[in-house]
Amino acid sequence: MSKSPTKTVTYSGGSTGVVMHLSSGHVVEFLHGVPVEVSAEDAKSLAGNPDFQPAPKATTPTTKPSEEDA
């Protein structure tokens, strides 16, 4: 079974956290400012809520592959 695509979102509302019962049937706890990975379907349903934003992409330094990896 293949894994569904996921998105990472962050809650920025006025509370320290919320528990959301999403239309997909998932129940997810969001703590203020903590990125949470959810299904693409759940992320879409949260997109219209101003308290949820896509989490910033993690920045990792780009490294040149070593000759052993090539």
N, C-alpha and C. Protein backbone atom coordinates (compact mmCIF):
# COMPACT_ATOMS: atom_id res chain seq x y z
N MET A 1 0.85 -1.18 0.00
CA MET A 1 0.00 0.00 0.00
C MET A 1 0.90 1.24 0.00
N SER A 2 0.65 2.18 -0.90
CA SER A 2 1.48 3.37 -0.97
C SER A 2 1.00 4.40 0.04
N LYS A 3 1.94 5.18 0.50
CA LYS A 3 1.63 6.20 1.50
C LYS A 3 1.06 7.42 0.81
N SER A 4 0.01 8.00 1.39
CA SER A 4 -0.61 9.20 0.83
C SER A 4 0.34 10.37 0.97
N PRO A 5 0.27 11.31 0.02
CA PRO A 5 1.12 12.50 0.14
C PRO A 5 0.72 13.29 1.39
N THR A 6 1.69 13.92 2.01
CA THR A 6 1.41 14.68 3.22
C THR A 6 1.87 16.12 3.05
N LYS A 7 1.34 16.98 3.90
CA LYS A 7 1.70 18.39 3.95
C LYS A 7 1.98 18.71 5.41
N THR A 8 2.78 19.72 5.64
CA THR A 8 3.06 20.15 6.99
C THR A 8 2.44 21.51 7.20
N VAL A 9 1.66 21.64 8.27
CA VAL A 9 0.98 22.89 8.57
C VAL A 9 1.31 23.31 10.00
N THR A 10 1.14 24.60 10.26
CA THR A 10 1.40 25.16 11.58
C THR A 10 0.18 25.94 12.05
N TYR A 11 -0.19 25.74 13.31
CA TYR A 11 -1.30 26.47 13.92
C TYR A 11 -0.76 27.76 14.52
N SER A 12 -1.43 28.88 14.24
CA SER A 12 -0.98 30.17 14.77
C SER A 12 -2.11 30.94 15.43
N GLY A 13 -3.15 30.24 15.85
CA GLY A 13 -4.29 30.90 16.47
C GLY A 13 -3.99 31.41 17.87
N GLY A 14 -5.02 31.89 18.54
CA GLY A 14 -4.86 32.53 19.83
C GLY A 14 -4.66 31.59 21.01
N SER A 15 -5.02 30.32 20.87
CA SER A 15 -4.86 29.37 21.97
C SER A 15 -3.47 28.73 21.93
N THR A 16 -3.11 28.06 23.02
CA THR A 16 -1.83 27.36 23.03
C THR A 16 -1.88 26.11 22.18
N GLY A 17 -3.07 25.67 21.84
CA GLY A 17 -3.23 24.51 20.98
C GLY A 17 -4.69 24.19 20.79
N VAL A 18 -4.97 23.37 19.78
CA VAL A 18 -6.33 22.93 19.49
C VAL A 18 -6.31 21.48 19.05
N VAL A 19 -7.44 20.81 19.24
CA VAL A 19 -7.62 19.46 18.70
C VAL A 19 -8.71 19.59 17.64
N MET A 20 -8.38 19.19 16.43
CA MET A 20 -9.31 19.31 15.31
C MET A 20 -9.83 17.93 14.91
N HIS A 21 -11.14 17.83 14.73
CA HIS A 21 -11.78 16.64 14.17
C HIS A 21 -12.05 16.98 12.71
N LEU A 22 -11.22 16.45 11.82
CA LEU A 22 -11.27 16.83 10.41
C LEU A 22 -12.26 15.98 9.63
N SER A 23 -12.68 16.49 8.48
CA SER A 23 -13.71 15.81 7.68
C SER A 23 -13.25 14.44 7.20
N SER A 24 -11.94 14.20 7.16
CA SER A 24 -11.42 12.89 6.76
C SER A 24 -11.62 11.83 7.83
N GLY A 25 -12.02 12.30 9.04
CA GLY A 25 -12.16 11.38 10.17
C GLY A 25 -10.95 11.40 11.09
N HIS A 26 -9.88 12.06 10.67
CA HIS A 26 -8.69 12.17 11.50
C HIS A 26 -8.92 13.17 12.64
N VAL A 27 -8.34 12.87 13.77
CA VAL A 27 -8.34 13.79 14.91
C VAL A 27 -6.89 14.17 15.13
N VAL A 28 -6.58 15.47 15.04
CA VAL A 28 -5.20 15.92 15.09
C VAL A 28 -5.06 17.03 16.13
N GLU A 29 -4.01 16.93 16.96
CA GLU A 29 -3.71 17.98 17.92
C GLU A 29 -2.65 18.91 17.32
N PHE A 30 -2.93 20.20 17.38
CA PHE A 30 -2.00 21.21 16.89
C PHE A 30 -1.60 22.09 18.06
N LEU A 31 -0.32 22.14 18.36
CA LEU A 31 0.19 23.06 19.37
C LEU A 31 0.66 24.32 18.66
N HIS A 32 0.47 25.45 19.29
CA HIS A 32 0.80 26.74 18.67
C HIS A 32 2.25 26.78 18.20
N GLY A 33 2.44 27.02 16.89
CA GLY A 33 3.77 27.17 16.31
C GLY A 33 4.53 25.89 16.03
N VAL A 34 3.94 24.73 16.33
CA VAL A 34 4.62 23.46 16.11
C VAL A 34 4.16 22.85 14.79
N PRO A 35 5.07 22.63 13.84
CA PRO A 35 4.66 22.02 12.56
C PRO A 35 4.11 20.60 12.76
N VAL A 36 3.01 20.31 12.06
CA VAL A 36 2.37 19.00 12.15
C VAL A 36 2.15 18.48 10.74
N GLU A 37 2.50 17.23 10.51
CA GLU A 37 2.31 16.61 9.20
C GLU A 37 0.90 16.02 9.14
N VAL A 38 0.16 16.40 8.10
CA VAL A 38 -1.20 15.91 7.89
C VAL A 38 -1.33 15.44 6.45
N SER A 39 -2.40 14.73 6.17
CA SER A 39 -2.63 14.28 4.79
C SER A 39 -2.90 15.49 3.90
N ALA A 40 -2.71 15.32 2.63
CA ALA A 40 -2.98 16.41 1.68
C ALA A 40 -4.45 16.82 1.75
N GLU A 41 -5.34 15.85 1.96
CA GLU A 41 -6.77 16.13 2.08
C GLU A 41 -7.04 17.01 3.31
N ASP A 42 -6.41 16.67 4.43
CA ASP A 42 -6.60 17.46 5.65
C ASP A 42 -6.02 18.86 5.49
N ALA A 43 -4.86 18.96 4.85
CA ALA A 43 -4.25 20.27 4.63
C ALA A 43 -5.15 21.15 3.78
N LYS A 44 -5.80 20.54 2.79
CA LYS A 44 -6.72 21.30 1.94
C LYS A 44 -7.90 21.82 2.73
N SER A 45 -8.42 21.00 3.65
CA SER A 45 -9.56 21.44 4.45
C SER A 45 -9.17 22.52 5.45
N LEU A 46 -7.91 22.55 5.87
CA LEU A 46 -7.43 23.58 6.80
C LEU A 46 -7.03 24.87 6.08
N ALA A 47 -6.85 24.81 4.77
CA ALA A 47 -6.34 25.96 4.00
C ALA A 47 -7.24 27.18 4.12
N GLY A 48 -8.53 27.00 4.29
CA GLY A 48 -9.44 28.14 4.39
C GLY A 48 -9.49 28.75 5.78
N ASN A 49 -8.81 28.15 6.74
CA ASN A 49 -8.82 28.64 8.12
C ASN A 49 -7.61 29.54 8.35
N PRO A 50 -7.80 30.80 8.72
CA PRO A 50 -6.67 31.72 8.88
C PRO A 50 -5.74 31.36 10.03
N ASP A 51 -6.13 30.42 10.90
CA ASP A 51 -5.27 30.01 12.01
C ASP A 51 -4.25 28.94 11.61
N PHE A 52 -4.31 28.48 10.36
CA PHE A 52 -3.39 27.43 9.90
C PHE A 52 -2.66 27.91 8.65
N GLN A 53 -1.35 27.71 8.64
CA GLN A 53 -0.54 28.07 7.48
C GLN A 53 0.35 26.89 7.12
N PRO A 54 0.76 26.83 5.83
CA PRO A 54 1.75 25.82 5.48
C PRO A 54 3.03 26.09 6.29
N ALA A 55 3.61 25.04 6.81
CA ALA A 55 4.85 25.21 7.58
C ALA A 55 5.98 25.55 6.62
N PRO A 56 6.90 26.39 7.06
CA PRO A 56 8.04 26.71 6.19
C PRO A 56 8.85 25.45 5.90
N LYS A 57 9.37 25.39 4.71
CA LYS A 57 10.20 24.24 4.33
C LYS A 57 11.46 24.25 5.18
N ALA A 58 11.88 23.07 5.60
CA ALA A 58 13.13 22.97 6.36
C ALA A 58 14.27 23.31 5.42
N THR A 59 15.16 24.12 5.90
CA THR A 59 16.31 24.47 5.07
C THR A 59 17.49 23.61 5.48
N THR A 60 17.98 22.88 4.51
CA THR A 60 19.15 22.06 4.77
C THR A 60 20.24 22.51 3.81
N PRO A 61 21.44 22.60 4.29
CA PRO A 61 22.52 23.04 3.40
C PRO A 61 22.73 22.01 2.29
N THR A 62 22.95 22.52 1.11
CA THR A 62 23.21 21.60 0.00
C THR A 62 24.67 21.18 0.07
N THR A 63 24.89 19.91 -0.05
CA THR A 63 26.26 19.40 0.01
C THR A 63 26.59 18.69 -1.28
N LYS A 64 27.80 18.75 -1.64
CA LYS A 64 28.26 18.08 -2.85
C LYS A 64 28.44 16.59 -2.52
N PRO A 65 27.85 15.71 -3.32
CA PRO A 65 28.01 14.27 -3.03
C PRO A 65 29.47 13.86 -3.10
N SER A 66 29.87 12.99 -2.21
CA SER A 66 31.24 12.52 -2.26
C SER A 66 31.40 11.56 -3.43
N GLU A 67 32.64 11.28 -3.76
CA GLU A 67 32.89 10.37 -4.89
C GLU A 67 32.36 8.97 -4.58
N GLU A 68 32.31 8.60 -3.29
CA GLU A 68 31.80 7.28 -2.92
C GLU A 68 30.32 7.17 -3.21
N ASP A 69 29.57 8.30 -3.08
CA ASP A 69 28.13 8.29 -3.32
C ASP A 69 27.79 8.30 -4.80
N ALA A 70 28.70 8.71 -5.63
CA ALA A 70 28.44 8.85 -7.06
C ALA A 70 28.42 7.53 -7.78
